[in-house]
């Protein structure tokens, strides 16, 4: 497993300029938060679908790291999203991820996305990550240096 601080360092190095924060992370779960900027909104003042999809994908990736250790070569193999209601354009979006299964070659999870402070989700995503194998069939992870 990787700590929230280790994952944050890795993500900042791997994806400089990304604008999310890890609220919590641990074995098989992660919650992340992203402020919404003008670039994230579409006409009508709502959060764009690509912004929500990216946040769902990122939450899955963070949960994989929290569960297996830093695993930079894990890649999205499937992502499906249902847009449930209009997100508030002026509020950050919170993604709550739970991994349903973590195997040797694949992790599968679900993500509920919320406008911050709201009880009802604005979207629900499911996704899977293909996990790289190291010798012996165990998932490959990388230590993070400080």
N, C-alpha and C. Protein backbone atom coordinates (compact mmCIF):
# COMPACT_ATOMS: atom_id res chain seq x y z
N UNK A 1 0.84 -1.18 0.00
CA UNK A 1 0.00 0.00 0.00
C UNK A 1 0.89 1.25 0.00
N UNK A 2 0.36 2.31 -0.58
CA UNK A 2 1.05 3.60 -0.57
C UNK A 2 0.24 4.58 0.27
N UNK A 3 0.93 5.48 0.95
CA UNK A 3 0.25 6.48 1.76
C UNK A 3 -0.28 7.61 0.87
N UNK A 4 -1.16 8.39 1.44
CA UNK A 4 -1.70 9.54 0.71
C UNK A 4 -0.57 10.48 0.30
N UNK A 5 0.39 10.72 1.17
CA UNK A 5 1.52 11.60 0.84
C UNK A 5 2.35 11.02 -0.31
N UNK A 6 2.61 9.73 -0.29
CA UNK A 6 3.38 9.10 -1.38
C UNK A 6 2.63 9.21 -2.71
N UNK A 7 1.34 8.96 -2.67
CA UNK A 7 0.55 9.05 -3.91
C UNK A 7 0.52 10.48 -4.41
N UNK A 8 0.35 11.44 -3.51
CA UNK A 8 0.34 12.85 -3.91
C UNK A 8 1.65 13.22 -4.58
N UNK A 9 2.79 12.83 -3.99
CA UNK A 9 4.10 13.12 -4.61
C UNK A 9 4.20 12.50 -6.00
N UNK A 10 3.82 11.22 -6.10
CA UNK A 10 3.89 10.55 -7.41
C UNK A 10 3.01 11.26 -8.44
N UNK A 11 1.79 11.56 -8.07
CA UNK A 11 0.86 12.17 -9.03
C UNK A 11 1.33 13.56 -9.46
N UNK A 12 1.92 14.33 -8.55
CA UNK A 12 2.45 15.65 -8.91
C UNK A 12 3.61 15.52 -9.89
N UNK A 13 4.44 14.50 -9.71
CA UNK A 13 5.56 14.27 -10.62
C UNK A 13 5.06 13.76 -11.97
N UNK A 14 4.13 12.83 -11.94
CA UNK A 14 3.66 12.20 -13.18
C UNK A 14 2.71 13.09 -13.96
N UNK A 15 1.92 13.91 -13.27
CA UNK A 15 0.90 14.74 -13.92
C UNK A 15 0.99 16.18 -13.41
N UNK A 16 2.10 16.86 -13.73
CA UNK A 16 2.23 18.24 -13.24
C UNK A 16 1.09 19.10 -13.80
N UNK A 17 0.60 19.98 -12.97
CA UNK A 17 -0.48 20.87 -13.42
C UNK A 17 -1.87 20.32 -13.17
N UNK A 18 -1.99 19.05 -12.77
CA UNK A 18 -3.33 18.53 -12.48
C UNK A 18 -3.84 19.20 -11.21
N UNK A 19 -5.13 19.41 -11.15
CA UNK A 19 -5.68 20.25 -10.08
C UNK A 19 -6.64 19.51 -9.16
N UNK A 20 -6.23 18.37 -8.66
CA UNK A 20 -7.08 17.66 -7.71
C UNK A 20 -6.28 17.44 -6.43
N UNK A 21 -6.99 17.16 -5.37
CA UNK A 21 -6.34 16.81 -4.11
C UNK A 21 -6.92 15.51 -3.61
N UNK A 22 -6.09 14.75 -2.95
CA UNK A 22 -6.55 13.50 -2.34
C UNK A 22 -7.09 13.84 -0.96
N UNK A 23 -8.37 13.55 -0.76
CA UNK A 23 -9.00 13.79 0.53
C UNK A 23 -8.67 12.64 1.47
N UNK A 24 -8.89 11.41 1.01
CA UNK A 24 -8.54 10.21 1.76
C UNK A 24 -8.14 9.12 0.78
N UNK A 25 -7.33 8.20 1.25
CA UNK A 25 -7.01 7.02 0.45
C UNK A 25 -6.61 5.90 1.40
N UNK A 26 -6.85 4.69 0.96
CA UNK A 26 -6.52 3.53 1.77
C UNK A 26 -6.79 2.27 0.98
N UNK A 27 -6.73 1.15 1.65
CA UNK A 27 -6.92 -0.13 0.98
C UNK A 27 -8.29 -0.17 0.29
N UNK A 28 -8.26 -0.24 -1.04
CA UNK A 28 -9.43 -0.38 -1.90
C UNK A 28 -10.35 0.84 -1.94
N UNK A 29 -9.84 2.02 -1.57
CA UNK A 29 -10.70 3.20 -1.67
C UNK A 29 -9.87 4.48 -1.82
N UNK A 30 -10.52 5.49 -2.34
CA UNK A 30 -9.93 6.83 -2.43
C UNK A 30 -11.06 7.83 -2.61
N UNK A 31 -10.88 9.01 -2.03
CA UNK A 31 -11.77 10.14 -2.27
C UNK A 31 -10.89 11.30 -2.70
N UNK A 32 -11.23 11.89 -3.83
CA UNK A 32 -10.46 13.02 -4.33
C UNK A 32 -11.40 14.18 -4.62
N UNK A 33 -10.85 15.37 -4.67
CA UNK A 33 -11.63 16.60 -4.85
C UNK A 33 -10.95 17.45 -5.90
N UNK A 34 -11.75 18.04 -6.77
CA UNK A 34 -11.21 18.91 -7.80
C UNK A 34 -12.02 20.20 -7.86
N UNK A 35 -11.34 21.35 -7.73
CA UNK A 35 -12.04 22.61 -7.94
C UNK A 35 -12.48 22.71 -9.40
N UNK A 36 -13.56 23.39 -9.63
CA UNK A 36 -14.06 23.58 -11.00
C UNK A 36 -13.68 24.98 -11.46
N UNK A 37 -13.02 25.05 -12.60
CA UNK A 37 -12.64 26.34 -13.18
C UNK A 37 -13.50 26.62 -14.40
N UNK A 38 -13.34 27.79 -14.95
CA UNK A 38 -14.07 28.15 -16.17
C UNK A 38 -13.77 27.17 -17.30
N UNK A 39 -12.54 26.68 -17.35
CA UNK A 39 -12.16 25.72 -18.40
C UNK A 39 -12.89 24.39 -18.27
N UNK A 40 -13.42 24.09 -17.08
CA UNK A 40 -14.12 22.83 -16.83
C UNK A 40 -15.61 22.91 -17.09
N UNK A 41 -16.11 24.09 -17.39
CA UNK A 41 -17.56 24.24 -17.56
C UNK A 41 -17.93 24.30 -19.02
N UNK A 42 -19.14 23.93 -19.28
CA UNK A 42 -19.68 24.00 -20.64
C UNK A 42 -20.77 25.04 -20.67
N UNK A 43 -21.25 25.39 -21.85
CA UNK A 43 -22.35 26.38 -21.92
C UNK A 43 -23.50 25.96 -21.01
N UNK A 44 -24.05 26.91 -20.31
CA UNK A 44 -25.11 26.63 -19.36
C UNK A 44 -24.59 26.57 -17.93
N UNK A 45 -23.27 26.66 -17.76
CA UNK A 45 -22.69 26.72 -16.43
C UNK A 45 -22.58 25.40 -15.70
N UNK A 46 -22.56 24.30 -16.41
CA UNK A 46 -22.43 23.00 -15.76
C UNK A 46 -21.04 22.43 -16.02
N UNK A 47 -20.63 21.48 -15.21
CA UNK A 47 -19.33 20.85 -15.36
C UNK A 47 -19.37 19.93 -16.58
N UNK A 48 -18.33 19.98 -17.39
CA UNK A 48 -18.29 19.18 -18.62
C UNK A 48 -18.13 17.69 -18.33
N UNK A 49 -18.64 16.89 -19.23
CA UNK A 49 -18.50 15.43 -19.13
C UNK A 49 -17.06 14.98 -19.10
N UNK A 50 -16.19 15.52 -19.98
CA UNK A 50 -14.78 15.11 -19.93
C UNK A 50 -14.12 15.40 -18.58
N UNK A 51 -14.51 16.47 -17.91
CA UNK A 51 -13.96 16.78 -16.59
C UNK A 51 -14.38 15.71 -15.59
N UNK A 52 -15.65 15.32 -15.61
CA UNK A 52 -16.14 14.29 -14.70
C UNK A 52 -15.49 12.94 -14.99
N UNK A 53 -15.34 12.61 -16.27
CA UNK A 53 -14.72 11.34 -16.62
C UNK A 53 -13.26 11.29 -16.17
N UNK A 54 -12.55 12.39 -16.36
CA UNK A 54 -11.15 12.44 -15.94
C UNK A 54 -11.03 12.28 -14.43
N UNK A 55 -11.93 12.90 -13.69
CA UNK A 55 -11.88 12.79 -12.24
C UNK A 55 -12.19 11.37 -11.78
N UNK A 56 -13.16 10.72 -12.41
CA UNK A 56 -13.48 9.32 -12.08
C UNK A 56 -12.27 8.42 -12.36
N UNK A 57 -11.64 8.61 -13.51
CA UNK A 57 -10.47 7.81 -13.87
C UNK A 57 -9.33 8.04 -12.88
N UNK A 58 -9.13 9.29 -12.49
CA UNK A 58 -8.07 9.61 -11.53
C UNK A 58 -8.36 8.98 -10.17
N UNK A 59 -9.60 8.98 -9.74
CA UNK A 59 -9.95 8.37 -8.45
C UNK A 59 -9.64 6.86 -8.47
N UNK A 60 -9.94 6.20 -9.58
CA UNK A 60 -9.61 4.78 -9.70
C UNK A 60 -8.10 4.57 -9.62
N UNK A 61 -7.33 5.40 -10.31
CA UNK A 61 -5.87 5.29 -10.33
C UNK A 61 -5.30 5.50 -8.92
N UNK A 62 -5.82 6.49 -8.20
CA UNK A 62 -5.37 6.74 -6.83
C UNK A 62 -5.69 5.54 -5.94
N UNK A 63 -6.87 4.97 -6.08
CA UNK A 63 -7.24 3.81 -5.27
C UNK A 63 -6.35 2.61 -5.57
N UNK A 64 -5.96 2.44 -6.82
CA UNK A 64 -5.03 1.36 -7.18
C UNK A 64 -3.70 1.56 -6.45
N UNK A 65 -3.17 2.78 -6.48
CA UNK A 65 -1.91 3.06 -5.78
C UNK A 65 -2.06 2.83 -4.27
N UNK A 66 -3.17 3.28 -3.72
CA UNK A 66 -3.39 3.13 -2.28
C UNK A 66 -3.45 1.67 -1.88
N UNK A 67 -3.89 0.82 -2.78
CA UNK A 67 -4.06 -0.60 -2.49
C UNK A 67 -2.81 -1.42 -2.76
N UNK A 68 -2.16 -1.14 -3.90
CA UNK A 68 -1.04 -1.98 -4.34
C UNK A 68 0.33 -1.34 -4.17
N UNK A 69 0.38 -0.09 -3.77
CA UNK A 69 1.63 0.65 -3.82
C UNK A 69 1.67 1.41 -5.13
N UNK A 70 2.63 2.29 -5.29
CA UNK A 70 2.71 3.08 -6.52
C UNK A 70 2.91 2.13 -7.70
N UNK A 71 1.98 2.16 -8.61
CA UNK A 71 1.95 1.25 -9.77
C UNK A 71 1.82 2.09 -11.04
N UNK A 72 2.91 2.74 -11.48
CA UNK A 72 2.82 3.71 -12.57
C UNK A 72 2.36 3.13 -13.90
N UNK A 73 2.60 1.85 -14.12
CA UNK A 73 2.25 1.27 -15.41
C UNK A 73 0.87 0.64 -15.45
N UNK A 74 0.08 0.82 -14.39
CA UNK A 74 -1.33 0.42 -14.44
C UNK A 74 -2.03 1.36 -15.43
N UNK A 75 -2.89 0.81 -16.27
CA UNK A 75 -3.57 1.62 -17.28
C UNK A 75 -5.06 1.32 -17.29
N UNK A 76 -5.82 2.35 -17.62
CA UNK A 76 -7.27 2.18 -17.74
C UNK A 76 -7.55 1.20 -18.86
N UNK A 77 -8.35 0.19 -18.57
CA UNK A 77 -8.74 -0.74 -19.63
C UNK A 77 -10.22 -0.58 -19.98
N UNK A 78 -10.99 0.02 -19.09
CA UNK A 78 -12.41 0.26 -19.36
C UNK A 78 -12.88 1.37 -18.43
N UNK A 79 -13.73 2.26 -18.96
CA UNK A 79 -14.36 3.29 -18.14
C UNK A 79 -15.74 3.56 -18.71
N UNK A 80 -16.74 3.45 -17.86
CA UNK A 80 -18.13 3.69 -18.25
C UNK A 80 -18.73 4.67 -17.25
N UNK A 81 -19.46 5.65 -17.74
CA UNK A 81 -20.01 6.65 -16.84
C UNK A 81 -21.47 6.91 -17.18
N UNK A 82 -22.25 7.11 -16.14
CA UNK A 82 -23.65 7.52 -16.29
C UNK A 82 -23.77 8.90 -15.66
N UNK A 83 -24.22 9.86 -16.45
CA UNK A 83 -24.46 11.21 -15.95
C UNK A 83 -25.87 11.24 -15.39
N UNK A 84 -26.00 11.52 -14.11
CA UNK A 84 -27.28 11.37 -13.43
C UNK A 84 -28.04 12.67 -13.27
N UNK A 85 -27.34 13.75 -13.02
CA UNK A 85 -27.98 15.06 -12.85
C UNK A 85 -26.95 16.13 -13.14
N UNK A 86 -27.44 17.32 -13.32
CA UNK A 86 -26.58 18.45 -13.66
C UNK A 86 -25.71 18.84 -12.46
N UNK A 87 -24.38 18.82 -12.62
CA UNK A 87 -23.51 19.25 -11.52
C UNK A 87 -23.51 20.78 -11.41
N UNK A 88 -23.33 21.27 -10.21
CA UNK A 88 -23.26 22.71 -9.98
C UNK A 88 -21.93 23.23 -10.54
N UNK A 89 -22.01 24.18 -11.44
CA UNK A 89 -20.81 24.69 -12.10
C UNK A 89 -19.84 25.40 -11.18
N UNK A 90 -20.32 26.00 -10.10
CA UNK A 90 -19.45 26.76 -9.22
C UNK A 90 -18.89 26.00 -8.05
N UNK A 91 -19.20 24.70 -7.94
CA UNK A 91 -18.75 23.91 -6.79
C UNK A 91 -17.70 22.90 -7.22
N UNK A 92 -16.73 22.63 -6.33
CA UNK A 92 -15.79 21.54 -6.62
C UNK A 92 -16.54 20.22 -6.77
N UNK A 93 -15.90 19.28 -7.45
CA UNK A 93 -16.47 17.94 -7.62
C UNK A 93 -15.66 16.98 -6.74
N UNK A 94 -16.37 16.11 -6.05
CA UNK A 94 -15.75 15.11 -5.18
C UNK A 94 -16.03 13.74 -5.79
N UNK A 95 -14.98 12.93 -5.91
CA UNK A 95 -15.11 11.57 -6.44
C UNK A 95 -14.79 10.58 -5.34
N UNK A 96 -15.72 9.67 -5.08
CA UNK A 96 -15.56 8.66 -4.04
C UNK A 96 -15.45 7.31 -4.73
N UNK A 97 -14.29 6.69 -4.62
CA UNK A 97 -14.00 5.44 -5.33
C UNK A 97 -13.90 4.28 -4.36
N UNK A 98 -14.41 3.15 -4.82
CA UNK A 98 -14.30 1.89 -4.07
C UNK A 98 -13.89 0.82 -5.08
N UNK A 99 -12.80 0.14 -4.80
CA UNK A 99 -12.39 -0.97 -5.66
C UNK A 99 -13.18 -2.21 -5.26
N UNK A 100 -13.81 -2.82 -6.24
CA UNK A 100 -14.66 -3.98 -5.99
C UNK A 100 -13.87 -5.29 -6.02
N UNK A 101 -12.83 -5.30 -6.86
CA UNK A 101 -11.99 -6.49 -6.98
C UNK A 101 -10.60 -6.07 -7.39
N UNK A 102 -9.62 -6.67 -6.75
CA UNK A 102 -8.22 -6.44 -7.11
C UNK A 102 -7.59 -7.80 -7.29
N UNK A 103 -7.25 -8.11 -8.53
CA UNK A 103 -6.62 -9.38 -8.84
C UNK A 103 -5.17 -9.18 -9.24
N UNK A 104 -4.57 -10.22 -9.80
CA UNK A 104 -3.18 -10.12 -10.23
C UNK A 104 -3.01 -9.28 -11.47
N UNK A 105 -4.02 -9.27 -12.35
CA UNK A 105 -3.86 -8.56 -13.61
C UNK A 105 -4.87 -7.44 -13.83
N UNK A 106 -5.86 -7.31 -12.93
CA UNK A 106 -6.90 -6.31 -13.14
C UNK A 106 -7.48 -5.86 -11.81
N UNK A 107 -7.81 -4.56 -11.76
CA UNK A 107 -8.56 -3.99 -10.63
C UNK A 107 -9.84 -3.39 -11.20
N UNK A 108 -10.95 -3.62 -10.52
CA UNK A 108 -12.26 -3.13 -10.97
C UNK A 108 -12.85 -2.30 -9.84
N UNK A 109 -13.41 -1.15 -10.21
CA UNK A 109 -13.98 -0.30 -9.18
C UNK A 109 -15.14 0.53 -9.67
N UNK A 110 -15.73 1.25 -8.72
CA UNK A 110 -16.82 2.17 -9.03
C UNK A 110 -16.53 3.51 -8.37
N UNK A 111 -17.07 4.56 -8.98
CA UNK A 111 -16.84 5.92 -8.48
C UNK A 111 -18.17 6.67 -8.50
N UNK A 112 -18.50 7.28 -7.38
CA UNK A 112 -19.64 8.19 -7.31
C UNK A 112 -19.07 9.60 -7.29
N UNK A 113 -19.63 10.48 -8.14
CA UNK A 113 -19.17 11.86 -8.23
C UNK A 113 -20.26 12.78 -7.72
N UNK A 114 -19.86 13.75 -6.90
CA UNK A 114 -20.79 14.67 -6.25
C UNK A 114 -20.35 16.10 -6.45
N UNK A 115 -21.30 17.01 -6.57
CA UNK A 115 -20.98 18.42 -6.38
C UNK A 115 -20.76 18.57 -4.88
N UNK A 116 -19.67 19.22 -4.50
CA UNK A 116 -19.32 19.31 -3.08
C UNK A 116 -20.48 19.85 -2.25
N UNK A 117 -20.76 19.14 -1.15
CA UNK A 117 -21.83 19.55 -0.26
C UNK A 117 -23.19 18.99 -0.61
N UNK A 118 -23.31 18.32 -1.73
CA UNK A 118 -24.58 17.74 -2.15
C UNK A 118 -24.64 16.26 -1.77
N UNK A 119 -25.85 15.77 -1.48
CA UNK A 119 -26.02 14.38 -1.07
C UNK A 119 -26.22 13.42 -2.23
N UNK A 120 -26.77 13.90 -3.33
CA UNK A 120 -27.06 13.04 -4.47
C UNK A 120 -25.92 13.10 -5.49
N UNK A 121 -25.49 11.95 -6.01
CA UNK A 121 -24.40 11.97 -6.99
C UNK A 121 -24.84 12.59 -8.31
N UNK A 122 -23.87 13.22 -8.98
CA UNK A 122 -24.12 13.79 -10.30
C UNK A 122 -23.76 12.79 -11.39
N UNK A 123 -22.92 11.80 -11.05
CA UNK A 123 -22.53 10.78 -12.02
C UNK A 123 -22.06 9.54 -11.26
N UNK A 124 -22.13 8.41 -11.96
CA UNK A 124 -21.65 7.14 -11.43
C UNK A 124 -20.82 6.49 -12.51
N UNK A 125 -19.60 6.08 -12.15
CA UNK A 125 -18.71 5.46 -13.13
C UNK A 125 -18.25 4.10 -12.63
N UNK A 126 -18.00 3.22 -13.57
CA UNK A 126 -17.33 1.96 -13.28
C UNK A 126 -16.12 1.89 -14.20
N UNK A 127 -15.09 1.24 -13.73
CA UNK A 127 -13.90 1.15 -14.56
C UNK A 127 -13.00 0.04 -14.12
N UNK A 128 -12.05 -0.26 -14.98
CA UNK A 128 -11.06 -1.27 -14.65
C UNK A 128 -9.69 -0.79 -15.08
N UNK A 129 -8.71 -1.27 -14.36
CA UNK A 129 -7.31 -0.98 -14.65
C UNK A 129 -6.58 -2.28 -14.90
N UNK A 130 -5.84 -2.34 -16.00
CA UNK A 130 -4.96 -3.46 -16.26
C UNK A 130 -3.70 -3.23 -15.43
N UNK A 131 -3.30 -4.24 -14.69
CA UNK A 131 -2.15 -4.14 -13.80
C UNK A 131 -0.95 -4.85 -14.41
N UNK A 132 0.21 -4.20 -14.41
CA UNK A 132 1.40 -4.86 -14.94
C UNK A 132 1.83 -5.98 -14.00
N UNK A 133 2.31 -7.05 -14.55
CA UNK A 133 2.78 -8.16 -13.72
C UNK A 133 4.29 -8.11 -13.64
N UNK A 134 4.80 -8.39 -12.47
CA UNK A 134 6.23 -8.57 -12.35
C UNK A 134 6.48 -10.07 -12.27
N UNK A 135 7.69 -10.46 -12.22
CA UNK A 135 8.01 -11.90 -12.14
C UNK A 135 7.28 -12.54 -10.96
N UNK A 136 6.83 -13.73 -11.17
CA UNK A 136 6.12 -14.45 -10.12
C UNK A 136 4.62 -14.16 -10.13
N UNK A 137 4.15 -13.30 -11.06
CA UNK A 137 2.74 -13.04 -11.20
C UNK A 137 2.16 -12.03 -10.24
N UNK A 138 2.99 -11.43 -9.37
CA UNK A 138 2.49 -10.42 -8.43
C UNK A 138 2.44 -9.07 -9.13
N UNK A 139 1.51 -8.19 -8.76
CA UNK A 139 1.46 -6.87 -9.36
C UNK A 139 2.76 -6.11 -9.10
N UNK A 140 3.19 -5.34 -10.10
CA UNK A 140 4.42 -4.55 -9.98
C UNK A 140 4.10 -3.21 -9.37
N UNK A 141 4.89 -2.82 -8.39
CA UNK A 141 4.75 -1.49 -7.80
C UNK A 141 6.14 -0.89 -7.68
N UNK A 142 6.17 0.42 -7.51
CA UNK A 142 7.43 1.16 -7.46
C UNK A 142 7.50 1.95 -6.17
N UNK A 143 8.63 1.87 -5.45
CA UNK A 143 8.76 2.71 -4.26
C UNK A 143 8.82 4.17 -4.67
N UNK A 144 8.34 5.05 -3.81
CA UNK A 144 8.36 6.48 -4.07
C UNK A 144 9.43 7.12 -3.22
N UNK A 145 10.28 7.91 -3.87
CA UNK A 145 11.30 8.62 -3.09
C UNK A 145 10.80 9.98 -2.72
N UNK A 146 11.20 10.48 -1.58
CA UNK A 146 10.74 11.77 -1.07
C UNK A 146 11.59 12.83 -1.54
